[in-house]
Amino acid sequence: MFLTNEELCVCDLGALLNMSKSAVSHKLKDLRLANLVDYRKEGRIAFYFLSNNHVKKILKEGFAHFSKPYHLETP
């Protein structure tokens, strides 16, 4: 799961997600406005990370929930 334990630049996120840098930047802006991610700058490069431990916990629990097999119950 990206950004849970590391910070990544737009280039790296684009490569991992198979998206253009422009598309990644646009999505990251939305996530920043929602206070889900934050960033730090190193020269001209911005490195993005999840904004706090609460966001990390919610994402980890969500991914754990969706990774469980889904079984339809029959009456």
Protein backbone atom coordinates (compact mmCIF):
# COMPACT_ATOMS: atom_id res chain seq x y z
CA MET A 1 0.00 0.00 0.00
CA PHE A 2 1.61 3.23 -1.14
CA LEU A 3 2.47 5.98 1.33
CA THR A 4 1.66 4.00 4.47
CA ASN A 5 5.26 3.67 5.63
CA GLU A 6 7.13 5.88 3.22
CA GLU A 7 7.02 9.08 1.27
CA LEU A 8 7.09 9.16 -2.51
CA CYS A 9 7.52 11.81 -5.16
CA VAL A 10 5.05 12.34 -8.01
CA CYS A 11 7.38 10.55 -10.46
CA ASP A 12 7.55 7.42 -8.29
CA LEU A 13 3.81 7.40 -7.65
CA GLY A 14 3.14 7.80 -11.37
CA ALA A 15 5.38 4.83 -12.17
CA LEU A 16 3.78 2.65 -9.49
CA LEU A 17 0.24 3.56 -10.53
CA ASN A 18 0.92 3.66 -14.28
CA MET A 19 -0.38 7.24 -14.42
CA SER A 20 1.02 10.46 -15.85
CA LYS A 21 2.73 12.91 -13.51
CA SER A 22 0.00 15.42 -14.31
CA ALA A 23 -2.79 13.01 -13.32
CA VAL A 24 -0.99 12.05 -10.09
CA SER A 25 -0.41 15.70 -9.20
CA HIS A 26 -4.10 16.47 -9.73
CA LYS A 27 -5.20 13.59 -7.48
CA LEU A 28 -2.63 14.52 -4.82
CA LYS A 29 -3.98 18.07 -4.77
CA ASP A 30 -7.45 16.70 -4.01
CA LEU A 31 -6.01 14.48 -1.26
CA ARG A 32 -4.10 17.45 0.22
CA LEU A 33 -7.27 19.56 0.27
CA ALA A 34 -9.01 16.72 2.12
CA ASN A 35 -6.09 16.63 4.62
CA LEU A 36 -5.34 13.00 3.76
CA VAL A 37 -1.80 13.57 2.49
CA ASP A 38 0.87 16.13 3.20
CA TYR A 39 4.22 16.82 1.57
CA ARG A 40 7.69 18.15 2.14
CA LYS A 41 9.90 19.74 -0.47
CA GLU A 42 13.50 18.91 -1.22
CA GLY A 43 14.60 21.46 -3.76
CA ARG A 44 12.04 21.30 -6.57
CA ILE A 45 10.82 17.81 -5.67
CA ALA A 46 7.83 17.28 -3.37
CA PHE A 47 7.63 14.05 -1.38
CA TYR A 48 4.13 13.00 -0.34
CA PHE A 49 3.08 11.01 2.71
CA LEU A 50 -0.11 10.23 4.63
CA SER A 51 -0.97 13.17 6.85
CA ASN A 52 -1.24 11.34 10.18
CA ASN A 53 -1.50 7.99 11.94
CA HIS A 54 -5.29 8.13 12.02
CA VAL A 55 -5.41 8.20 8.20
CA LYS A 56 -2.90 5.32 8.07
CA LYS A 57 -5.02 3.25 10.46
CA ILE A 58 -8.22 3.82 8.49
CA LEU A 59 -6.54 2.84 5.21
CA LYS A 60 -4.93 -0.28 6.69
CA GLU A 61 -8.25 -1.40 8.17
CA GLY A 62 -10.04 -0.70 4.90
CA PHE A 63 -7.55 -2.71 2.85
CA ALA A 64 -7.67 -5.55 5.39
CA HIS A 65 -11.46 -5.60 5.13
CA PHE A 66 -11.44 -5.76 1.32
CA SER A 67 -8.72 -8.41 1.20
CA LYS A 68 -10.93 -10.91 3.05
CA PRO A 69 -12.87 -13.35 0.87
CA TYR A 70 -16.47 -12.41 0.35
CA HIS A 71 -19.03 -15.19 0.76
CA LEU A 72 -22.66 -14.83 -0.13
CA GLU A 73 -24.93 -16.26 2.49
CA THR A 74 -27.92 -18.22 1.30
CA PRO A 75 -31.06 -18.27 3.43
